[in-house]
C-alpha atoms as a PDB file:
ATOM      1  CA  MET A   1      99.634 128.329  96.765  1.00  0.00           C
ATOM      2  CA  ALA A   2      97.754 124.371  95.616  1.00  0.00           C
ATOM      3  CA  GLU A   3      97.848 122.074  98.310  1.00  0.00           C
ATOM      4  CA  LEU A   4     101.059 119.608  97.977  1.00  0.00           C
ATOM      5  CA  ALA A   5      98.562 116.791  97.353  1.00  0.00           C
ATOM      6  CA  THR A   6      96.897 118.567  94.282  1.00  0.00           C
ATOM      7  CA  ILE A   7     100.994 119.401  93.347  1.00  0.00           C
ATOM      8  CA  ALA A   8     101.658 115.590  93.473  1.00  0.00           C
ATOM      9  CA  ARG A   9      98.856 114.167  92.348  1.00  0.00           C
ATOM     10  CA  PRO A  10     100.050 114.201  88.133  1.00  0.00           C
ATOM     11  CA  TYR A  11     103.593 113.573  89.423  1.00  0.00           C
ATOM     12  CA  ALA A  12     102.609 110.362  90.900  1.00  0.00           C
ATOM     13  CA  ASP A  13     100.076 109.523  88.656  1.00  0.00           C
ATOM     14  CA  ALA A  14     102.761 109.876  85.815  1.00  0.00           C
ATOM     15  CA  LEU A  15     105.328 107.753  87.403  1.00  0.00           C
ATOM     16  CA  PHE A  16     102.701 105.079  88.161  1.00  0.00           C
ATOM     17  CA  GLN A  17     101.858 104.592  84.580  1.00  0.00           C
ATOM     18  CA  ALA A  18     105.612 104.764  83.409  1.00  0.00           C
ATOM     19  CA  SER A  19     106.070 102.409  85.951  1.00  0.00           C
ATOM     20  CA  THR A  20     104.095  99.789  85.099  1.00  0.00           C
ATOM     21  CA  ALA A  21     104.315 100.117  81.380  1.00  0.00           C
ATOM     22  CA  GLN A  22     107.831  98.844  81.878  1.00  0.00           C
ATOM     23  CA  GLY A  23     106.395  95.825  83.034  1.00  0.00           C
ATOM     24  CA  ALA A  24     107.309  93.272  86.066  1.00  0.00           C
ATOM     25  CA  SER A  25     106.543  94.312  89.572  1.00  0.00           C
ATOM     26  CA  SER A  26     109.995  93.991  90.659  1.00  0.00           C
ATOM     27  CA  ASP A  27     110.783  96.688  88.593  1.00  0.00           C
ATOM     28  CA  LEU A  28     107.502  98.560  90.713  1.00  0.00           C
ATOM     29  CA  ALA A  29     109.267  97.729  93.861  1.00  0.00           C
ATOM     30  CA  GLY A  30     112.423  99.185  92.932  1.00  0.00           C
ATOM     31  CA  THR A  31     111.136 102.254  91.985  1.00  0.00           C
ATOM     32  CA  VAL A  32     109.091 102.335  95.042  1.00  0.00           C
ATOM     33  CA  ALA A  33     112.648 102.245  96.957  1.00  0.00           C
ATOM     34  CA  TRP A  34     114.285 105.331  95.307  1.00  0.00           C
ATOM     35  CA  VAL A  35     110.779 107.178  95.124  1.00  0.00           C
ATOM     36  CA  GLU A  36     110.585 106.935  98.798  1.00  0.00           C
ATOM     37  CA  GLU A  37     114.237 108.420  99.232  1.00  0.00           C
ATOM     38  CA  LEU A  38     113.871 110.931  97.083  1.00  0.00           C
ATOM     39  CA  GLY A  39     111.215 112.171  99.294  1.00  0.00           C
ATOM     40  CA  ALA A  40     113.066 111.466 102.704  1.00  0.00           C
ATOM     41  CA  ILE A  41     115.702 113.700 101.363  1.00  0.00           C
ATOM     42  CA  ALA A  42     113.714 116.790 100.096  1.00  0.00           C
ATOM     43  CA  ALA A  43     111.665 116.324 103.359  1.00  0.00           C
ATOM     44  CA  ASP A  44     115.234 117.631 104.997  1.00  0.00           C
ATOM     45  CA  PRO A  45     114.287 121.179 105.605  1.00  0.00           C
ATOM     46  CA  ALA A  46     117.829 121.953 105.074  1.00  0.00           C
ATOM     47  CA  LEU A  47     118.391 120.711 101.878  1.00  0.00           C
ATOM     48  CA  ARG A  48     114.708 122.668 100.987  1.00  0.00           C
ATOM     49  CA  GLN A  49     116.384 125.977 101.815  1.00  0.00           C
ATOM     50  CA  PHE A  50     119.296 125.291 100.032  1.00  0.00           C
ATOM     51  CA  ALA A  51     117.007 124.554  97.192  1.00  0.00           C
ATOM     52  CA  ASP A  52     115.035 127.584  97.484  1.00  0.00           C
ATOM     53  CA  ASN A  53     118.126 129.769  97.495  1.00  0.00           C
ATOM     54  CA  PRO A  54     117.703 131.791  93.998  1.00  0.00           C
ATOM     55  CA  LYS A  55     121.692 131.626  93.570  1.00  0.00           C
ATOM     56  CA  VAL A  56     121.754 127.871  93.308  1.00  0.00           C
ATOM     57  CA  THR A  57     121.270 126.257  89.929  1.00  0.00           C
ATOM     58  CA  PRO A  58     119.199 123.423  89.569  1.00  0.00           C
ATOM     59  CA  ASP A  59     122.349 121.481  88.425  1.00  0.00           C
ATOM     60  CA  GLN A  60     124.197 122.309  91.922  1.00  0.00           C
ATOM     61  CA  VAL A  61     120.134 120.663  93.757  1.00  0.00           C
ATOM     62  CA  PHE A  62     120.312 117.655  91.111  1.00  0.00           C
ATOM     63  CA  ASP A  63     124.282 116.939  92.370  1.00  0.00           C
ATOM     64  CA  VAL A  64     123.106 117.564  96.285  1.00  0.00           C
ATOM     65  CA  PHE A  65     120.375 115.062  95.354  1.00  0.00           C
ATOM     66  CA  SER A  66     122.312 112.411  93.736  1.00  0.00           C
ATOM     67  CA  GLY A  67     125.105 112.660  96.479  1.00  0.00           C
ATOM     68  CA  VAL A  68     122.921 112.018  99.335  1.00  0.00           C
ATOM     69  CA  ALA A  69     121.691 109.249  97.669  1.00  0.00           C
ATOM     70  CA  ARG A  70     122.223 106.074  99.907  1.00  0.00           C
ATOM     71  CA  SER A  71     122.898 104.196  95.898  1.00  0.00           C
ATOM     72  CA  ALA A  72     123.512 105.533  92.180  1.00  0.00           C
ATOM     73  CA  LEU A  73     120.406 106.172  90.993  1.00  0.00           C
ATOM     74  CA  PRO A  74     118.647 104.455  88.317  1.00  0.00           C
ATOM     75  CA  ASP A  75     117.979 106.495  84.972  1.00  0.00           C
ATOM     76  CA  ALA A  76     114.504 106.945  85.552  1.00  0.00           C
ATOM     77  CA  ALA A  77     114.800 108.146  88.900  1.00  0.00           C
ATOM     78  CA  ARG A  78     117.264 111.025  87.451  1.00  0.00           C
ATOM     79  CA  ASN A  79     114.978 111.992  84.961  1.00  0.00           C
ATOM     80  CA  PHE A  80     112.226 111.736  87.065  1.00  0.00           C
ATOM     81  CA  LEU A  81     114.687 113.687  89.888  1.00  0.00           C
ATOM     82  CA  ARG A  82     115.229 116.722  87.192  1.00  0.00           C
ATOM     83  CA  THR A  83     111.775 117.192  85.855  1.00  0.00           C
ATOM     84  CA  VAL A  84     110.463 117.822  89.629  1.00  0.00           C
ATOM     85  CA  ILE A  85     113.817 119.888  90.386  1.00  0.00           C
ATOM     86  CA  ASP A  86     112.926 121.862  86.790  1.00  0.00           C
ATOM     87  CA  ASN A  87     109.679 122.516  88.012  1.00  0.00           C
ATOM     88  CA  GLY A  88     110.178 123.720  91.497  1.00  0.00           C
ATOM     89  CA  ARG A  89     108.108 120.983  92.941  1.00  0.00           C
ATOM     90  CA  ILE A  90     110.812 119.553  95.393  1.00  0.00           C
ATOM     91  CA  ALA A  91     108.590 120.459  98.467  1.00  0.00           C
ATOM     92  CA  ALA A  92     105.881 118.012  96.964  1.00  0.00           C
ATOM     93  CA  LEU A  93     108.592 114.907  96.461  1.00  0.00           C
ATOM     94  CA  PRO A  94     107.557 113.588 100.126  1.00  0.00           C
ATOM     95  CA  GLU A  95     103.696 113.254  98.916  1.00  0.00           C
ATOM     96  CA  VAL A  96     105.007 112.492  95.034  1.00  0.00           C
ATOM     97  CA  ALA A  97     106.409 108.922  97.169  1.00  0.00           C
ATOM     98  CA  ALA A  98     103.112 108.601  99.332  1.00  0.00           C
ATOM     99  CA  GLN A  99     100.861 108.704  96.464  1.00  0.00           C
ATOM    100  CA  PHE A 100     102.842 106.810  94.303  1.00  0.00           C
ATOM    101  CA  ARG A 101     102.848 104.390  97.336  1.00  0.00           C
ATOM    102  CA  ALA A 102      99.227 104.446  97.409  1.00  0.00           C
ATOM    103  CA  LEU A 103      98.905 103.813  93.968  1.00  0.00           C
ATOM    104  CA  VAL A 104     101.159 100.518  94.416  1.00  0.00           C
ATOM    105  CA  ASN A 105      99.392  99.042  97.255  1.00  0.00           C
ATOM    106  CA  ALA A 106      95.838  99.879  95.607  1.00  0.00           C
ATOM    107  CA  ARG A 107      97.058  97.907  92.339  1.00  0.00           C
ATOM    108  CA  SER A 108      98.633  94.753  94.416  1.00  0.00           C
ATOM    109  CA  GLY A 109      95.727  94.692  96.869  1.00  0.00           C
ATOM    110  CA  SER A 110      97.607  95.630 100.105  1.00  0.00           C
ATOM    111  CA  SER A 111      98.090  98.102 102.759  1.00  0.00           C
ATOM    112  CA  ASP A 112     100.762  99.479 104.922  1.00  0.00           C
ATOM    113  CA  ALA A 113     100.621  98.773 108.503  1.00  0.00           C
ATOM    114  CA  VAL A 114     103.029 100.789 111.052  1.00  0.00           C
ATOM    115  CA  VAL A 115     103.361  98.322 113.991  1.00  0.00           C
ATOM    116  CA  TYR A 116     104.537 100.643 117.545  1.00  0.00           C
ATOM    117  CA  SER A 117     105.869  98.769 119.827  1.00  0.00           C
ATOM    118  CA  ALA A 118     107.790  99.530 123.489  1.00  0.00           C
ATOM    119  CA  PHE A 119     110.123  96.133 122.197  1.00  0.00           C
ATOM    120  CA  PRO A 120     111.775  95.471 118.963  1.00  0.00           C
ATOM    121  CA  ILE A 121     109.525  92.574 117.086  1.00  0.00           C
ATOM    122  CA  GLU A 122     112.103  90.274 114.596  1.00  0.00           C
ATOM    123  CA  GLY A 123     111.974  87.042 113.099  1.00  0.00           C
ATOM    124  CA  ASP A 124     109.080  84.295 113.563  1.00  0.00           C
ATOM    125  CA  ALA A 125     107.474  86.698 115.968  1.00  0.00           C
ATOM    126  CA  LEU A 126     106.965  89.423 113.262  1.00  0.00           C
ATOM    127  CA  ALA A 127     105.938  86.749 110.648  1.00  0.00           C
ATOM    128  CA  ASP A 128     103.165  85.629 112.899  1.00  0.00           C
ATOM    129  CA  LEU A 129     101.804  89.248 114.098  1.00  0.00           C
ATOM    130  CA  LYS A 130     101.371  89.653 110.593  1.00  0.00           C
ATOM    131  CA  ALA A 131      99.759  87.006 109.942  1.00  0.00           C
ATOM    132  CA  SER A 132      97.396  87.840 112.720  1.00  0.00           C
ATOM    133  CA  LEU A 133      97.047  91.297 111.617  1.00  0.00           C
ATOM    134  CA  GLU A 134      96.259  90.323 108.068  1.00  0.00           C
ATOM    135  CA  LYS A 135      93.287  87.616 109.357  1.00  0.00           C
ATOM    136  CA  ARG A 136      92.062  90.524 111.644  1.00  0.00           C
ATOM    137  CA  PHE A 137      92.051  93.678 108.927  1.00  0.00           C
ATOM    138  CA  GLY A 138      91.519  91.107 105.861  1.00  0.00           C
ATOM    139  CA  ARG A 139      94.211  91.966 103.380  1.00  0.00           C
ATOM    140  CA  THR A 140      97.646  91.954 102.599  1.00  0.00           C
ATOM    141  CA  LEU A 141     100.198  94.231 104.685  1.00  0.00           C
ATOM    142  CA  ASN A 142     103.430  95.525 104.211  1.00  0.00           C
ATOM    143  CA  VAL A 143     104.702  95.712 107.933  1.00  0.00           C
ATOM    144  CA  THR A 144     107.027  98.481 109.144  1.00  0.00           C
ATOM    145  CA  VAL A 145     107.991  98.334 113.231  1.00  0.00           C
ATOM    146  CA  ARG A 146     108.464 101.639 114.532  1.00  0.00           C
ATOM    147  CA  PRO A 147     109.733 101.564 118.506  1.00  0.00           C
ATOM    148  CA  ASP A 148     107.485 103.697 120.754  1.00  0.00           C
ATOM    149  CA  ASP A 149     108.910 103.599 124.831  1.00  0.00           C
ATOM    150  CA  ALA A 150     105.979 105.476 125.852  1.00  0.00           C
ATOM    151  CA  LEU A 151     103.699 102.232 125.242  1.00  0.00           C
ATOM    152  CA  ILE A 152     104.605 100.036 128.243  1.00  0.00           C
ATOM    153  CA  ALA A 153     104.001  96.828 126.640  1.00  0.00           C
ATOM    154  CA  GLY A 154     101.818  95.827 123.807  1.00  0.00           C
ATOM    155  CA  VAL A 155     101.315  97.060 120.227  1.00  0.00           C
ATOM    156  CA  ARG A 156      99.672  99.642 118.588  1.00  0.00           C
ATOM    157  CA  VAL A 157      98.717  98.991 114.612  1.00  0.00           C
ATOM    158  CA  VAL A 158      98.532 101.573 112.060  1.00  0.00           C
ATOM    159  CA  VAL A 159      96.390 100.675 109.064  1.00  0.00           C
ATOM    160  CA  GLY A 160      95.428 103.613 107.000  1.00  0.00           C
ATOM    161  CA  ASP A 161      92.748 105.282 109.038  1.00  0.00           C
ATOM    162  CA  GLU A 162      92.300 102.059 111.297  1.00  0.00           C
ATOM    163  CA  VAL A 163      93.766 101.799 114.793  1.00  0.00           C
ATOM    164  CA  LEU A 164      93.907  99.281 116.938  1.00  0.00           C
ATOM    165  CA  ASP A 165      95.840  99.616 120.063  1.00  0.00           C
ATOM    166  CA  THR A 166      96.644  96.682 122.638  1.00  0.00           C
ATOM    167  CA  SER A 167      98.973  98.237 124.610  1.00  0.00           C
ATOM    168  CA  VAL A 168      99.058  98.795 128.424  1.00  0.00           C
ATOM    169  CA  LYS A 169      99.290 102.363 127.917  1.00  0.00           C
ATOM    170  CA  ALA A 170      95.901 102.463 126.141  1.00  0.00           C
ATOM    171  CA  ARG A 171      94.548  99.680 128.780  1.00  0.00           C
ATOM    172  CA  LEU A 172      95.384 102.044 131.475  1.00  0.00           C
ATOM    173  CA  GLU A 173      94.185 105.053 129.967  1.00  0.00           C
ATOM    174  CA  GLN A 174      90.516 103.361 129.206  1.00  0.00           C
ATOM    175  CA  LEU A 175      90.529 102.509 133.316  1.00  0.00           C
ATOM    176  CA  GLN A 176      91.222 106.233 134.359  1.00  0.00           C
ATOM    177  CA  ALA A 177      88.676 107.020 132.239  1.00  0.00           C
ATOM    178  CA  ALA A 178      86.683 104.307 133.492  1.00  0.00           C
ATOM    179  CA  LEU A 179      87.263 105.136 137.737  1.00  0.00           C
ATOM    180  CA  THR A 180      87.089 109.129 136.705  1.00  0.00           C
ATOM    181  CA  ALA A 181      83.670 108.811 134.927  1.00  0.00           C
END
């Protein structure tokens, strides 16, 4: 079987071209939202098992996706989902969402940043952290905060393949390595 990235690329490219041909970047943001939601739904193993059942029709799979979605899917999303289901590419939907997000980020000159923190970061603290990270990485960032109790304190930031780890856990590991060397 071909790699999911190879399967997903034409779908992400076609969706990106169709979305940018329609115009406004606000439409693009809406498209990102529903593509990521469909990708999250498709990542569920129970749903994939249901969709792979030969007794289940494509219409039934489509109805399950539509029923699980948090809001009503726009026409473009419905057409895209039908195409993916009809071609048997549900397993590639999470990768399509990731590749589509990468195309949108490349167009806007931004990157996704995941901030792992032992404590919740909100409001002004998040805005200050985002400004510092944008200065450090030299580009606009779309920041997402995820809790990680193992860090003890501080943050661990992942931007693409770059990692900035200022957590207490990392410092303790560095100290341990220095003491055992």
